[in-house]
Protein backbone atom coordinates (compact mmCIF):
# COMPACT_ATOMS: atom_id res chain seq x y z
CA MET A 1 17.49 -23.41 -14.68
CA SER A 2 13.79 -22.94 -14.34
CA PRO A 3 12.01 -19.49 -14.55
CA GLU A 4 11.32 -19.76 -10.94
CA ASP A 5 15.08 -19.52 -10.33
CA ASP A 6 15.26 -16.56 -12.46
CA LEU A 7 12.72 -14.70 -10.31
CA GLY A 8 14.51 -15.57 -6.86
CA LEU A 9 11.42 -17.52 -5.68
CA PRO A 10 11.91 -20.01 -2.90
CA GLN A 11 11.95 -23.72 -3.80
CA LEU A 12 9.63 -25.85 -1.89
CA SER A 13 10.60 -29.33 -0.74
CA GLU A 14 8.35 -32.35 -0.05
CA ALA A 15 8.58 -31.41 3.67
CA ASP A 16 6.90 -28.08 2.83
CA LEU A 17 3.78 -29.88 1.42
CA ALA A 18 1.05 -31.83 3.18
CA TYR A 19 -1.66 -33.98 1.71
CA ASP A 20 -5.22 -33.33 2.77
CA GLN A 21 -7.81 -36.08 3.23
CA ASN A 22 -8.60 -36.16 -0.45
CA GLY A 23 -4.97 -36.54 -1.48
CA ALA A 24 -4.61 -32.99 -2.85
CA ASP A 25 -1.51 -31.09 -2.35
CA SER A 26 -1.80 -28.13 0.26
CA LEU A 27 0.40 -26.06 2.29
CA ARG A 28 1.01 -27.48 5.81
CA ASP A 29 -1.48 -26.45 8.36
CA GLY A 30 1.13 -26.38 11.24
CA PRO A 31 1.95 -23.65 13.41
CA PRO A 32 2.67 -20.39 11.69
CA ILE A 33 6.38 -19.62 10.88
CA SER A 34 7.86 -16.62 12.57
CA LYS A 35 8.41 -14.03 9.74
CA SER A 36 10.50 -10.90 9.88
CA ALA A 37 11.23 -7.97 7.55
CA LEU A 38 14.31 -9.80 6.32
CA ASP A 39 12.04 -12.35 4.80
CA LEU A 40 10.87 -9.84 2.40
CA GLU A 41 14.31 -8.45 1.43
CA GLN A 42 13.75 -9.42 -2.23
CA VAL A 43 11.01 -6.81 -2.60
CA PHE A 44 12.73 -3.90 -0.80
CA ASP A 45 13.86 -2.25 -3.91
CA VAL A 46 10.60 -2.47 -5.80
CA PRO A 47 9.32 1.08 -6.41
CA VAL A 48 5.75 2.06 -5.54
CA MET A 49 3.88 5.27 -5.88
CA VAL A 50 2.73 6.73 -2.56
CA SER A 51 0.09 9.31 -2.54
CA ALA A 52 -1.41 11.45 0.42
CA VAL A 53 -4.92 12.71 -0.86
CA LEU A 54 -5.73 15.97 0.99
CA GLY A 55 -9.39 16.09 -0.68
CA ALA A 56 -11.07 16.29 -3.99
CA SER A 57 -13.11 19.01 -5.86
CA ARG A 58 -15.22 18.66 -8.85
CA MET A 59 -15.30 21.49 -11.57
CA PRO A 60 -16.00 22.06 -15.19
CA ILE A 61 -13.08 21.92 -17.45
CA GLY A 62 -13.48 25.54 -18.32
CA ASP A 63 -13.08 26.49 -14.70
CA LEU A 64 -9.99 24.09 -14.43
CA LEU A 65 -8.32 25.89 -17.41
CA ARG A 66 -8.71 29.34 -15.79
CA LEU A 67 -6.93 28.34 -12.48
CA GLY A 68 -3.62 30.17 -12.03
CA PRO A 69 -0.93 30.56 -9.38
CA GLY A 70 -2.35 31.56 -6.13
CA THR A 71 -5.89 30.20 -6.78
CA VAL A 72 -7.47 28.81 -3.72
CA LEU A 73 -9.40 25.68 -4.45
CA GLU A 74 -12.17 24.31 -2.06
CA LEU A 75 -11.77 20.76 -1.18
CA ASP A 76 -14.20 18.19 0.17
CA ARG A 77 -12.49 17.93 3.51
CA LYS A 78 -12.39 20.09 6.63
CA VAL A 79 -9.40 21.18 8.57
CA GLY A 80 -8.26 18.28 10.90
CA GLU A 81 -10.15 15.43 8.96
CA ALA A 82 -8.03 12.38 8.08
CA ILE A 83 -6.33 12.34 4.80
CA ASP A 84 -6.16 9.20 2.65
CA ILE A 85 -2.85 7.42 1.93
CA TYR A 86 -2.76 5.39 -1.29
CA VAL A 87 -0.03 3.01 -2.57
CA ASN A 88 -0.26 2.39 -6.19
CA ASN A 89 -3.76 3.76 -6.29
CA ARG A 90 -4.97 1.42 -3.48
CA LEU A 91 -6.14 2.86 -0.25
CA VAL A 92 -3.87 1.43 2.54
CA ALA A 93 -4.13 4.01 5.45
CA ARG A 94 -5.44 7.29 6.82
CA GLY A 95 -3.43 10.01 8.67
CA GLU A 96 -3.06 13.53 9.78
CA VAL A 97 -0.81 16.19 8.03
CA VAL A 98 2.09 17.17 10.29
CA LEU A 99 4.91 19.75 10.29
CA VAL A 100 8.44 18.20 10.71
CA GLU A 101 11.35 20.48 10.46
CA GLU A 102 9.52 22.94 8.15
CA ARG A 103 8.46 20.05 5.83
CA LEU A 104 4.82 18.72 5.54
CA GLY A 105 4.57 15.07 6.40
CA VAL A 106 1.83 12.47 7.35
CA THR A 107 1.43 10.59 10.55
CA MET A 108 -0.65 7.42 9.93
CA THR A 109 -3.41 7.03 12.37
CA GLU A 110 -5.27 4.07 10.74
CA ILE A 111 -4.17 1.07 8.65
CA VAL A 112 -6.99 0.10 6.13
CA LYS A 113 -7.29 -3.70 5.71
CA GLY A 114 -8.03 -4.56 2.03
CA ASP A 115 -10.25 -7.03 0.76
CA ALA A 116 -8.58 -10.34 0.10
């Protein structure tokens, strides 16, 4: 059994590979294969950290140590401005805070395309 088998990675056959004009292996340039969420089933249970950042503030450590319950902290965003959504510390979307059945939630309004 190879290490790839332990990871549950798909096995490529000769039909999955094509040769370019220089004879090097490359993935086939044919029509894109239709993918669905079920194709990603192997990663469904991988935990990720999702953060919704309402804003930020900069202050000296001495002021930070004096903060207590009920302290109001001024953030760098205004009411109604989009908040940033991070997955594993990477910006992936922007959204708005909403109230859903007495709980705060986020409606995503923009998906941020990352640099490849």
